[in-house]
Amino acid sequence: MQLLLGAGGGADGLRRRPFGLRAPQGSLEELLAGIAADVLGATRVVRDDSFFSLGCDSVRAVQLAEALSEHRHRAARRTAVPPCG
């Protein structure tokens, strides 16, 4: 079983972890899991992983947010329509 922690750090209860690891589903989850794995230095990130058990703290959370923002800006530049003229 896995102890779930609330936003304030208190225990919310116990939950059974599903047998096996559930891979990310869909392109968005795959993208987010890949970026998270890169930032955290993990070999992979799956749906059942805990943010903090992967070694994440406030500094890594900021790094993850920055990496996601950079990806979003790169994607926006790739899809931007060049000005006519």
C-alpha atoms as a PDB file:
ATOM      1  CA  MET A   1       0.000   0.000   0.000  1.00  0.00           C
ATOM      2  CA  GLN A   2       1.018   3.586  -0.538  1.00  0.00           C
ATOM      3  CA  LEU A   3       0.522   6.421   1.936  1.00  0.00           C
ATOM      4  CA  LEU A   4      -1.074   9.435   0.269  1.00  0.00           C
ATOM      5  CA  LEU A   5      -0.046  12.854   1.521  1.00  0.00           C
ATOM      6  CA  GLY A   6      -2.283  15.892   1.280  1.00  0.00           C
ATOM      7  CA  ALA A   7      -1.197  19.367   0.148  1.00  0.00           C
ATOM      8  CA  GLY A   8      -0.211  20.261   3.724  1.00  0.00           C
ATOM      9  CA  GLY A   9       1.918  17.134   4.073  1.00  0.00           C
ATOM     10  CA  GLY A  10      -0.564  15.248   6.283  1.00  0.00           C
ATOM     11  CA  ALA A  11      -1.658  11.705   5.621  1.00  0.00           C
ATOM     12  CA  ASP A  12      -4.890  11.461   3.626  1.00  0.00           C
ATOM     13  CA  GLY A  13      -5.113   7.699   3.869  1.00  0.00           C
ATOM     14  CA  LEU A  14      -3.846   4.516   2.338  1.00  0.00           C
ATOM     15  CA  ARG A  15      -4.356   3.395  -1.223  1.00  0.00           C
ATOM     16  CA  ARG A  16      -3.456   0.149  -2.898  1.00  0.00           C
ATOM     17  CA  ARG A  17      -1.011   0.587  -5.716  1.00  0.00           C
ATOM     18  CA  PRO A  18      -2.153  -1.263  -8.827  1.00  0.00           C
ATOM     19  CA  PHE A  19      -0.219  -4.372  -9.790  1.00  0.00           C
ATOM     20  CA  GLY A  20       2.447  -3.371 -12.259  1.00  0.00           C
ATOM     21  CA  LEU A  21       3.301   0.069 -13.505  1.00  0.00           C
ATOM     22  CA  ARG A  22       0.956   1.932 -15.782  1.00  0.00           C
ATOM     23  CA  ALA A  23       2.762   3.636 -18.645  1.00  0.00           C
ATOM     24  CA  PRO A  24       1.824   7.174 -19.672  1.00  0.00           C
ATOM     25  CA  GLN A  25      -1.259   7.214 -21.903  1.00  0.00           C
ATOM     26  CA  GLY A  26      -1.537   9.542 -24.847  1.00  0.00           C
ATOM     27  CA  SER A  27       0.913  11.979 -26.361  1.00  0.00           C
ATOM     28  CA  LEU A  28       0.548  14.640 -23.652  1.00  0.00           C
ATOM     29  CA  GLU A  29       1.265  12.219 -20.788  1.00  0.00           C
ATOM     30  CA  GLU A  30       4.186  10.753 -22.729  1.00  0.00           C
ATOM     31  CA  LEU A  31       5.602  14.245 -23.293  1.00  0.00           C
ATOM     32  CA  LEU A  32       5.192  15.241 -19.630  1.00  0.00           C
ATOM     33  CA  ALA A  33       6.672  11.957 -18.390  1.00  0.00           C
ATOM     34  CA  GLY A  34       9.666  12.329 -20.702  1.00  0.00           C
ATOM     35  CA  ILE A  35      10.380  15.890 -19.589  1.00  0.00           C
ATOM     36  CA  ALA A  36       9.941  14.905 -15.930  1.00  0.00           C
ATOM     37  CA  ALA A  37      12.325  11.966 -16.366  1.00  0.00           C
ATOM     38  CA  ASP A  38      14.940  14.265 -17.923  1.00  0.00           C
ATOM     39  CA  VAL A  39      14.680  16.844 -15.141  1.00  0.00           C
ATOM     40  CA  LEU A  40      14.657  14.263 -12.351  1.00  0.00           C
ATOM     41  CA  GLY A  41      17.353  12.064 -13.863  1.00  0.00           C
ATOM     42  CA  ALA A  42      14.981   9.098 -13.823  1.00  0.00           C
ATOM     43  CA  THR A  43      15.087   6.334 -16.400  1.00  0.00           C
ATOM     44  CA  ARG A  44      11.311   6.585 -16.739  1.00  0.00           C
ATOM     45  CA  VAL A  45       8.270   8.146 -15.122  1.00  0.00           C
ATOM     46  CA  VAL A  46       4.992   6.230 -15.044  1.00  0.00           C
ATOM     47  CA  ARG A  47       1.435   7.175 -14.097  1.00  0.00           C
ATOM     48  CA  ASP A  48       1.700   5.713 -10.598  1.00  0.00           C
ATOM     49  CA  ASP A  49       4.939   7.452  -9.617  1.00  0.00           C
ATOM     50  CA  SER A  50       4.920   9.881  -6.748  1.00  0.00           C
ATOM     51  CA  PHE A  51       6.429  13.281  -7.533  1.00  0.00           C
ATOM     52  CA  PHE A  52       8.377  13.311  -4.261  1.00  0.00           C
ATOM     53  CA  SER A  53       9.446   9.657  -4.212  1.00  0.00           C
ATOM     54  CA  LEU A  54      11.221  10.332  -7.520  1.00  0.00           C
ATOM     55  CA  GLY A  55      13.457  12.777  -5.655  1.00  0.00           C
ATOM     56  CA  CYS A  56      11.588  15.948  -6.449  1.00  0.00           C
ATOM     57  CA  ASP A  57      11.724  18.946  -4.158  1.00  0.00           C
ATOM     58  CA  SER A  58      10.926  22.639  -4.619  1.00  0.00           C
ATOM     59  CA  VAL A  59      14.079  23.265  -6.668  1.00  0.00           C
ATOM     60  CA  ARG A  60      13.300  20.371  -9.025  1.00  0.00           C
ATOM     61  CA  ALA A  61       9.694  21.552  -9.258  1.00  0.00           C
ATOM     62  CA  VAL A  62      10.923  24.932 -10.521  1.00  0.00           C
ATOM     63  CA  GLN A  63      13.290  23.193 -12.956  1.00  0.00           C
ATOM     64  CA  LEU A  64      10.408  21.049 -14.201  1.00  0.00           C
ATOM     65  CA  ALA A  65       8.186  24.104 -14.688  1.00  0.00           C
ATOM     66  CA  GLU A  66      10.995  25.837 -16.588  1.00  0.00           C
ATOM     67  CA  ALA A  67      11.576  22.800 -18.818  1.00  0.00           C
ATOM     68  CA  LEU A  68       7.851  22.611 -19.616  1.00  0.00           C
ATOM     69  CA  SER A  69       7.783  26.334 -20.404  1.00  0.00           C
ATOM     70  CA  GLU A  70      10.814  26.014 -22.699  1.00  0.00           C
ATOM     71  CA  HIS A  71       9.162  23.125 -24.526  1.00  0.00           C
ATOM     72  CA  ARG A  72       5.967  25.151 -24.953  1.00  0.00           C
ATOM     73  CA  HIS A  73       7.916  28.114 -26.386  1.00  0.00           C
ATOM     74  CA  ARG A  74       9.853  25.867 -28.792  1.00  0.00           C
ATOM     75  CA  ALA A  75       6.604  24.291 -29.977  1.00  0.00           C
ATOM     76  CA  ALA A  76       5.022  27.725 -30.450  1.00  0.00           C
ATOM     77  CA  ARG A  77       7.989  28.898 -32.571  1.00  0.00           C
ATOM     78  CA  ARG A  78       7.740  25.769 -34.755  1.00  0.00           C
ATOM     79  CA  THR A  79       4.062  26.357 -35.448  1.00  0.00           C
ATOM     80  CA  ALA A  80       4.198  30.161 -35.758  1.00  0.00           C
ATOM     81  CA  VAL A  81       3.125  31.517 -39.124  1.00  0.00           C
ATOM     82  CA  PRO A  82       5.803  33.791 -40.627  1.00  0.00           C
ATOM     83  CA  PRO A  83       4.659  37.325 -41.456  1.00  0.00           C
ATOM     84  CA  CYS A  84       3.606  38.005 -45.055  1.00  0.00           C
ATOM     85  CA  GLY A  85       5.526  40.492 -46.970  1.00  0.00           C
END
